[in-house]
Amino acid sequence: MTTPVPTRFTDDELTIIDALVAEGIGESRSAVIRRGVHHLADAVRRARVGTTIAESYRVVPQTAEDDELALSSAIALTEAEPW
C-alpha cells in the first residue's frame, strides 16, 4: 500500500525526473522519486557507518602491530590464490 504525499517540484526538477523515466530508471515519476528516496536513505546510512568506523579508529588507533598482522594476512591470502 502506498500513501499519496503532495509534493511540489520546479520545472527543472521535473525535467530531471522525466529524463530519468525516459532512460528507464523508473517506469513513472513516482517510481523514480521512490528510488531516489531509497538511494538517499542508503547514502545516509553508509555515511553514518563510515563516521562510526572513523571515530572508532580515533578512539582506538591502529597500531604498528595491527599493520603487520594485516600485511601478513594480505600476503597469505594472495599466496593462497591459484593465479
PDB file of N, CA and C in Angstrom:
ATOM      1  N   MET A   1       0.843  -1.177   0.000  1.00  0.00           N
ATOM      2  CA  MET A   1       0.000   0.000   0.000  1.00  0.00           C
ATOM      3  C   MET A   1       0.888   1.240   0.000  1.00  0.00           C
ATOM      4  N   THR A   2       0.490   2.234  -0.755  1.00  0.00           N
ATOM      5  CA  THR A   2       1.228   3.490  -0.783  1.00  0.00           C
ATOM      6  C   THR A   2       0.315   4.612  -0.311  1.00  0.00           C
ATOM      7  N   THR A   3       0.932   5.666   0.166  1.00  0.00           N
ATOM      8  CA  THR A   3       0.199   6.835   0.635  1.00  0.00           C
ATOM      9  C   THR A   3       0.607   8.036  -0.202  1.00  0.00           C
ATOM     10  N   PRO A   4      -0.351   8.728  -0.789  1.00  0.00           N
ATOM     11  CA  PRO A   4      -0.003   9.924  -1.560  1.00  0.00           C
ATOM     12  C   PRO A   4       0.609  10.994  -0.662  1.00  0.00           C
ATOM     13  N   VAL A   5       1.664  11.620  -1.162  1.00  0.00           N
ATOM     14  CA  VAL A   5       2.316  12.708  -0.441  1.00  0.00           C
ATOM     15  C   VAL A   5       2.398  13.893  -1.405  1.00  0.00           C
ATOM     16  N   PRO A   6       1.564  14.898  -1.192  1.00  0.00           N
ATOM     17  CA  PRO A   6       1.607  16.053  -2.088  1.00  0.00           C
ATOM     18  C   PRO A   6       2.972  16.736  -2.021  1.00  0.00           C
ATOM     19  N   THR A   7       3.593  16.910  -3.158  1.00  0.00           N
ATOM     20  CA  THR A   7       4.920  17.500  -3.235  1.00  0.00           C
ATOM     21  C   THR A   7       4.982  18.410  -4.452  1.00  0.00           C
ATOM     22  N   ARG A   8       5.710  19.482  -4.317  1.00  0.00           N
ATOM     23  CA  ARG A   8       5.870  20.400  -5.441  1.00  0.00           C
ATOM     24  C   ARG A   8       7.302  20.322  -5.948  1.00  0.00           C
ATOM     25  N   PHE A   9       7.441  20.325  -7.276  1.00  0.00           N
ATOM     26  CA  PHE A   9       8.745  20.307  -7.912  1.00  0.00           C
ATOM     27  C   PHE A   9       8.836  21.476  -8.870  1.00  0.00           C
ATOM     28  N   THR A  10      10.038  21.985  -9.031  1.00  0.00           N
ATOM     29  CA  THR A  10      10.265  23.043 -10.014  1.00  0.00           C
ATOM     30  C   THR A  10      10.238  22.412 -11.405  1.00  0.00           C
ATOM     31  N   ASP A  11      10.141  23.248 -12.410  1.00  0.00           N
ATOM     32  CA  ASP A  11      10.178  22.746 -13.787  1.00  0.00           C
ATOM     33  C   ASP A  11      11.493  22.019 -14.065  1.00  0.00           C
ATOM     34  N   ASP A  12      12.599  22.556 -13.548  1.00  0.00           N
ATOM     35  CA  ASP A  12      13.900  21.911 -13.741  1.00  0.00           C
ATOM     36  C   ASP A  12      13.939  20.527 -13.090  1.00  0.00           C
ATOM     37  N   GLU A  13      13.391  20.410 -11.885  1.00  0.00           N
ATOM     38  CA  GLU A  13      13.360  19.118 -11.203  1.00  0.00           C
ATOM     39  C   GLU A  13      12.504  18.120 -11.973  1.00  0.00           C
ATOM     40  N   LEU A  14      11.361  18.577 -12.478  1.00  0.00           N
ATOM     41  CA  LEU A  14      10.504  17.686 -13.261  1.00  0.00           C
ATOM     42  C   LEU A  14      11.190  17.252 -14.553  1.00  0.00           C
ATOM     43  N   THR A  15      11.963  18.138 -15.138  1.00  0.00           N
ATOM     44  CA  THR A  15      12.716  17.781 -16.341  1.00  0.00           C
ATOM     45  C   THR A  15      13.698  16.656 -16.027  1.00  0.00           C
ATOM     46  N   ILE A  16      14.374  16.758 -14.889  1.00  0.00           N
ATOM     47  CA  ILE A  16      15.317  15.717 -14.462  1.00  0.00           C
ATOM     48  C   ILE A  16      14.583  14.399 -14.217  1.00  0.00           C
ATOM     49  N   ILE A  17      13.474  14.468 -13.504  1.00  0.00           N
ATOM     50  CA  ILE A  17      12.698  13.266 -13.197  1.00  0.00           C
ATOM     51  C   ILE A  17      12.201  12.623 -14.492  1.00  0.00           C
ATOM     52  N   ASP A  18      11.669  13.433 -15.392  1.00  0.00           N
ATOM     53  CA  ASP A  18      11.155  12.905 -16.658  1.00  0.00           C
ATOM     54  C   ASP A  18      12.273  12.282 -17.495  1.00  0.00           C
ATOM     55  N   ALA A  19      13.456  12.871 -17.447  1.00  0.00           N
ATOM     56  CA  ALA A  19      14.595  12.299 -18.180  1.00  0.00           C
ATOM     57  C   ALA A  19      14.953  10.930 -17.602  1.00  0.00           C
ATOM     58  N   LEU A  20      14.892  10.808 -16.289  1.00  0.00           N
ATOM     59  CA  LEU A  20      15.185   9.522 -15.655  1.00  0.00           C
ATOM     60  C   LEU A  20      14.141   8.475 -16.032  1.00  0.00           C
ATOM     61  N   VAL A  21      12.887   8.891 -16.115  1.00  0.00           N
ATOM     62  CA  VAL A  21      11.833   7.974 -16.561  1.00  0.00           C
ATOM     63  C   VAL A  21      12.121   7.548 -18.006  1.00  0.00           C
ATOM     64  N   ALA A  22      12.463   8.503 -18.851  1.00  0.00           N
ATOM     65  CA  ALA A  22      12.749   8.212 -20.254  1.00  0.00           C
ATOM     66  C   ALA A  22      13.935   7.252 -20.404  1.00  0.00           C
ATOM     67  N   GLU A  23      14.891   7.342 -19.487  1.00  0.00           N
ATOM     68  CA  GLU A  23      16.066   6.454 -19.515  1.00  0.00           C
ATOM     69  C   GLU A  23      15.755   5.082 -18.930  1.00  0.00           C
ATOM     70  N   GLY A  24      14.566   4.911 -18.382  1.00  0.00           N
ATOM     71  CA  GLY A  24      14.193   3.618 -17.820  1.00  0.00           C
ATOM     72  C   GLY A  24      14.611   3.411 -16.379  1.00  0.00           C
ATOM     73  N   ILE A  25      15.006   4.479 -15.704  1.00  0.00           N
ATOM     74  CA  ILE A  25      15.412   4.367 -14.305  1.00  0.00           C
ATOM     75  C   ILE A  25      14.207   3.992 -13.439  1.00  0.00           C
ATOM     76  N   GLY A  26      13.048   4.445 -13.848  1.00  0.00           N
ATOM     77  CA  GLY A  26      11.789   4.093 -13.194  1.00  0.00           C
ATOM     78  C   GLY A  26      10.698   4.168 -14.233  1.00  0.00           C
ATOM     79  N   GLU A  27       9.622   3.446 -13.995  1.00  0.00           N
ATOM     80  CA  GLU A  27       8.560   3.426 -15.007  1.00  0.00           C
ATOM     81  C   GLU A  27       7.627   4.628 -14.914  1.00  0.00           C
ATOM     82  N   SER A  28       7.776   5.407 -13.862  1.00  0.00           N
ATOM     83  CA  SER A  28       6.938   6.597 -13.682  1.00  0.00           C
ATOM     84  C   SER A  28       7.695   7.615 -12.835  1.00  0.00           C
ATOM     85  N   ARG A  29       7.140   8.804 -12.753  1.00  0.00           N
ATOM     86  CA  ARG A  29       7.743   9.816 -11.875  1.00  0.00           C
ATOM     87  C   ARG A  29       7.785   9.312 -10.442  1.00  0.00           C
ATOM     88  N   SER A  30       6.698   8.709 -10.004  1.00  0.00           N
ATOM     89  CA  SER A  30       6.637   8.198  -8.625  1.00  0.00           C
ATOM     90  C   SER A  30       7.709   7.149  -8.378  1.00  0.00           C
ATOM     91  N   ALA A  31       7.910   6.267  -9.346  1.00  0.00           N
ATOM     92  CA  ALA A  31       8.916   5.217  -9.185  1.00  0.00           C
ATOM     93  C   ALA A  31      10.316   5.819  -9.080  1.00  0.00           C
ATOM     94  N   VAL A  32      10.588   6.834  -9.893  1.00  0.00           N
ATOM     95  CA  VAL A  32      11.895   7.499  -9.842  1.00  0.00           C
ATOM     96  C   VAL A  32      12.077   8.181  -8.490  1.00  0.00           C
ATOM     97  N   ILE A  33      11.059   8.855  -8.019  1.00  0.00           N
ATOM     98  CA  ILE A  33      11.151   9.551  -6.730  1.00  0.00           C
ATOM     99  C   ILE A  33      11.335   8.553  -5.595  1.00  0.00           C
ATOM    100  N   ARG A  34      10.583   7.447  -5.617  1.00  0.00           N
ATOM    101  CA  ARG A  34      10.749   6.411  -4.576  1.00  0.00           C
ATOM    102  C   ARG A  34      12.164   5.850  -4.602  1.00  0.00           C
ATOM    103  N   ARG A  35      12.674   5.602  -5.810  1.00  0.00           N
ATOM    104  CA  ARG A  35      14.038   5.074  -5.933  1.00  0.00           C
ATOM    105  C   ARG A  35      15.044   6.076  -5.374  1.00  0.00           C
ATOM    106  N   GLY A  36      14.817   7.352  -5.656  1.00  0.00           N
ATOM    107  CA  GLY A  36      15.693   8.387  -5.126  1.00  0.00           C
ATOM    108  C   GLY A  36      15.696   8.419  -3.606  1.00  0.00           C
ATOM    109  N   VAL A  37      14.525   8.230  -3.005  1.00  0.00           N
ATOM    110  CA  VAL A  37      14.427   8.207  -1.538  1.00  0.00           C
ATOM    111  C   VAL A  37      15.226   7.039  -0.978  1.00  0.00           C
ATOM    112  N   HIS A  38      15.120   5.879  -1.624  1.00  0.00           N
ATOM    113  CA  HIS A  38      15.873   4.710  -1.160  1.00  0.00           C
ATOM    114  C   HIS A  38      17.379   4.937  -1.292  1.00  0.00           C
ATOM    115  N   HIS A  39      17.803   5.548  -2.391  1.00  0.00           N
ATOM    116  CA  HIS A  39      19.231   5.844  -2.568  1.00  0.00           C
ATOM    117  C   HIS A  39      19.715   6.837  -1.514  1.00  0.00           C
ATOM    118  N   LEU A  40      18.919   7.853  -1.227  1.00  0.00           N
ATOM    119  CA  LEU A  40      19.303   8.830  -0.208  1.00  0.00           C
ATOM    120  C   LEU A  40      19.408   8.167   1.157  1.00  0.00           C
ATOM    121  N   ALA A  41      18.423   7.344   1.504  1.00  0.00           N
ATOM    122  CA  ALA A  41      18.457   6.659   2.799  1.00  0.00           C
ATOM    123  C   ALA A  41      19.696   5.768   2.908  1.00  0.00           C
ATOM    124  N   ASP A  42      20.043   5.071   1.831  1.00  0.00           N
ATOM    125  CA  ASP A  42      21.230   4.217   1.828  1.00  0.00           C
ATOM    126  C   ASP A  42      22.500   5.046   1.986  1.00  0.00           C
ATOM    127  N   ALA A  43      22.569   6.178   1.286  1.00  0.00           N
ATOM    128  CA  ALA A  43      23.743   7.050   1.379  1.00  0.00           C
ATOM    129  C   ALA A  43      23.910   7.588   2.797  1.00  0.00           C
ATOM    130  N   VAL A  44      22.816   7.972   3.428  1.00  0.00           N
ATOM    131  CA  VAL A  44      22.872   8.474   4.806  1.00  0.00           C
ATOM    132  C   VAL A  44      23.327   7.359   5.746  1.00  0.00           C
ATOM    133  N   ARG A  45      22.782   6.160   5.565  1.00  0.00           N
ATOM    134  CA  ARG A  45      23.167   5.028   6.416  1.00  0.00           C
ATOM    135  C   ARG A  45      24.658   4.730   6.263  1.00  0.00           C
ATOM    136  N   ARG A  46      25.136   4.705   5.015  1.00  0.00           N
ATOM    137  CA  ARG A  46      26.544   4.412   4.770  1.00  0.00           C
ATOM    138  C   ARG A  46      27.451   5.498   5.358  1.00  0.00           C
ATOM    139  N   ALA A  47      27.036   6.739   5.258  1.00  0.00           N
ATOM    140  CA  ALA A  47      27.824   7.842   5.834  1.00  0.00           C
ATOM    141  C   ALA A  47      27.907   7.701   7.349  1.00  0.00           C
ATOM    142  N   ARG A  48      26.809   7.318   7.962  1.00  0.00           N
ATOM    143  CA  ARG A  48      26.804   7.132   9.429  1.00  0.00           C
ATOM    144  C   ARG A  48      27.726   5.990   9.828  1.00  0.00           C
ATOM    145  N   VAL A  49      27.683   4.896   9.081  1.00  0.00           N
ATOM    146  CA  VAL A  49      28.569   3.764   9.373  1.00  0.00           C
ATOM    147  C   VAL A  49      30.023   4.199   9.219  1.00  0.00           C
ATOM    148  N   GLY A  50      30.322   4.928   8.143  1.00  0.00           N
ATOM    149  CA  GLY A  50      31.681   5.418   7.926  1.00  0.00           C
ATOM    150  C   GLY A  50      32.155   6.317   9.048  1.00  0.00           C
ATOM    151  N   THR A  51      31.276   7.192   9.507  1.00  0.00           N
ATOM    152  CA  THR A  51      31.611   8.081  10.618  1.00  0.00           C
ATOM    153  C   THR A  51      31.891   7.273  11.881  1.00  0.00           C
ATOM    154  N   THR A  52      31.090   6.252  12.127  1.00  0.00           N
ATOM    155  CA  THR A  52      31.277   5.397  13.304  1.00  0.00           C
ATOM    156  C   THR A  52      32.610   4.662  13.233  1.00  0.00           C
ATOM    157  N   ILE A  53      32.941   4.137  12.053  1.00  0.00           N
ATOM    158  CA  ILE A  53      34.213   3.431  11.892  1.00  0.00           C
ATOM    159  C   ILE A  53      35.383   4.386  12.100  1.00  0.00           C
ATOM    160  N   ALA A  54      35.318   5.561  11.471  1.00  0.00           N
ATOM    161  CA  ALA A  54      36.404   6.537  11.625  1.00  0.00           C
ATOM    162  C   ALA A  54      36.564   6.954  13.079  1.00  0.00           C
ATOM    163  N   GLU A  55      35.456   7.177  13.760  1.00  0.00           N
ATOM    164  CA  GLU A  55      35.514   7.572  15.176  1.00  0.00           C
ATOM    165  C   GLU A  55      36.136   6.461  16.015  1.00  0.00           C
ATOM    166  N   SER A  56      35.820   5.201  15.703  1.00  0.00           N
ATOM    167  CA  SER A  56      36.385   4.094  16.476  1.00  0.00           C
ATOM    168  C   SER A  56      37.905   4.044  16.320  1.00  0.00           C
ATOM    169  N   TYR A  57      38.412   4.396  15.123  1.00  0.00           N
ATOM    170  CA  TYR A  57      39.866   4.436  14.936  1.00  0.00           C
ATOM    171  C   TYR A  57      40.489   5.627  15.650  1.00  0.00           C
ATOM    172  N   ARG A  58      39.714   6.714  15.831  1.00  0.00           N
ATOM    173  CA  ARG A  58      40.239   7.846  16.605  1.00  0.00           C
ATOM    174  C   ARG A  58      40.317   7.480  18.092  1.00  0.00           C
ATOM    175  N   VAL A  59      39.328   6.722  18.554  1.00  0.00           N
ATOM    176  CA  VAL A  59      39.296   6.324  19.966  1.00  0.00           C
ATOM    177  C   VAL A  59      40.365   5.268  20.236  1.00  0.00           C
ATOM    178  N   VAL A  60      40.474   4.290  19.344  1.00  0.00           N
ATOM    179  CA  VAL A  60      41.466   3.223  19.489  1.00  0.00           C
ATOM    180  C   VAL A  60      42.253   3.157  18.179  1.00  0.00           C
ATOM    181  N   PRO A  61      43.309   3.952  18.075  1.00  0.00           N
ATOM    182  CA  PRO A  61      44.079   3.997  16.825  1.00  0.00           C
ATOM    183  C   PRO A  61      44.709   2.653  16.479  1.00  0.00           C
ATOM    184  N   GLN A  62      44.881   2.450  15.185  1.00  0.00           N
ATOM    185  CA  GLN A  62      45.545   1.253  14.699  1.00  0.00           C
ATOM    186  C   GLN A  62      47.019   1.322  15.088  1.00  0.00           C
ATOM    187  N   THR A  63      47.588   0.193  15.485  1.00  0.00           N
ATOM    188  CA  THR A  63      48.987   0.152  15.908  1.00  0.00           C
ATOM    189  C   THR A  63      49.862  -0.457  14.808  1.00  0.00           C
ATOM    190  N   ALA A  64      51.161  -0.354  14.990  1.00  0.00           N
ATOM    191  CA  ALA A  64      52.101  -0.970  14.053  1.00  0.00           C
ATOM    192  C   ALA A  64      51.904  -2.483  14.032  1.00  0.00           C
ATOM    193  N   GLU A  65      51.571  -3.044  15.175  1.00  0.00           N
ATOM    194  CA  GLU A  65      51.305  -4.489  15.253  1.00  0.00           C
ATOM    195  C   GLU A  65      50.087  -4.846  14.397  1.00  0.00           C
ATOM    196  N   ASP A  66      49.075  -3.995  14.431  1.00  0.00           N
ATOM    197  CA  ASP A  66      47.888  -4.218  13.589  1.00  0.00           C
ATOM    198  C   ASP A  66      48.277  -4.188  12.117  1.00  0.00           C
ATOM    199  N   ASP A  67      49.133  -3.241  11.750  1.00  0.00           N
ATOM    200  CA  ASP A  67      49.595  -3.124  10.361  1.00  0.00           C
ATOM    201  C   ASP A  67      50.323  -4.386   9.918  1.00  0.00           C
ATOM    202  N   GLU A  68      51.194  -4.889  10.774  1.00  0.00           N
ATOM    203  CA  GLU A  68      51.964  -6.098  10.457  1.00  0.00           C
ATOM    204  C   GLU A  68      51.030  -7.290  10.275  1.00  0.00           C
ATOM    205  N   LEU A  69      50.048  -7.411  11.145  1.00  0.00           N
ATOM    206  CA  LEU A  69      49.089  -8.509  11.051  1.00  0.00           C
ATOM    207  C   LEU A  69      48.274  -8.412   9.761  1.00  0.00           C
ATOM    208  N   ALA A  70      47.844  -7.202   9.423  1.00  0.00           N
ATOM    209  CA  ALA A  70      47.069  -7.006   8.192  1.00  0.00           C
ATOM    210  C   ALA A  70      47.917  -7.349   6.966  1.00  0.00           C
ATOM    211  N   LEU A  71      49.169  -6.926   6.957  1.00  0.00           N
ATOM    212  CA  LEU A  71      50.058  -7.225   5.833  1.00  0.00           C
ATOM    213  C   LEU A  71      50.301  -8.724   5.728  1.00  0.00           C
ATOM    214  N   SER A  72      50.517  -9.387   6.842  1.00  0.00           N
ATOM    215  CA  SER A  72      50.725 -10.841   6.830  1.00  0.00           C
ATOM    216  C   SER A  72      49.498 -11.556   6.289  1.00  0.00           C
ATOM    217  N   SER A  73      48.318 -11.105   6.698  1.00  0.00           N
ATOM    218  CA  SER A  73      47.073 -11.707   6.211  1.00  0.00           C
ATOM    219  C   SER A  73      46.914 -11.488   4.713  1.00  0.00           C
ATOM    220  N   ALA A  74      47.228 -10.289   4.246  1.00  0.00           N
ATOM    221  CA  ALA A  74      47.114  -9.985   2.821  1.00  0.00           C
ATOM    222  C   ALA A  74      48.072 -10.846   2.001  1.00  0.00           C
ATOM    223  N   ILE A  75      49.275 -11.028   2.489  1.00  0.00           N
ATOM    224  CA  ILE A  75      50.255 -11.862   1.794  1.00  0.00           C
ATOM    225  C   ILE A  75      49.775 -13.311   1.756  1.00  0.00           C
ATOM    226  N   ALA A  76      49.272 -13.804   2.871  1.00  0.00           N
ATOM    227  CA  ALA A  76      48.785 -15.187   2.928  1.00  0.00           C
ATOM    228  C   ALA A  76      47.612 -15.396   1.971  1.00  0.00           C
ATOM    229  N   LEU A  77      46.704 -14.444   1.922  1.00  0.00           N
ATOM    230  CA  LEU A  77      45.564 -14.562   1.003  1.00  0.00           C
ATOM    231  C   LEU A  77      46.027 -14.543  -0.449  1.00  0.00           C
ATOM    232  N   THR A  78      46.978 -13.682  -0.749  1.00  0.00           N
ATOM    233  CA  THR A  78      47.493 -13.587  -2.116  1.00  0.00           C
ATOM    234  C   THR A  78      48.207 -14.867  -2.517  1.00  0.00           C
ATOM    235  N   GLU A  79      49.003 -15.406  -1.617  1.00  0.00           N
ATOM    236  CA  GLU A  79      49.735 -16.640  -1.911  1.00  0.00           C
ATOM    237  C   GLU A  79      48.799 -17.831  -2.053  1.00  0.00           C
ATOM    238  N   ALA A  80      47.652 -17.778  -1.414  1.00  0.00           N
ATOM    239  CA  ALA A  80      46.696 -18.875  -1.480  1.00  0.00           C
ATOM    240  C   ALA A  80      45.925 -18.903  -2.795  1.00  0.00           C
ATOM    241  N   GLU A  81      45.975 -17.813  -3.546  1.00  0.00           N
ATOM    242  CA  GLU A  81      45.269 -17.737  -4.828  1.00  0.00           C
ATOM    243  C   GLU A  81      45.946 -18.634  -5.852  1.00  0.00           C
ATOM    244  N   PRO A  82      45.167 -19.270  -6.724  1.00  0.00           N
ATOM    245  CA  PRO A  82      45.747 -20.174  -7.719  1.00  0.00           C
ATOM    246  C   PRO A  82      46.300 -19.459  -8.951  1.00  0.00           C
ATOM    247  N   TRP A  83      46.351 -18.185  -8.984  1.00  0.00           N
ATOM    248  CA  TRP A  83      46.800 -17.360 -10.105  1.00  0.00           C
ATOM    249  C   TRP A  83      47.102 -18.221 -11.278  1.00  0.00           C
TER     250      TRP A  83
END
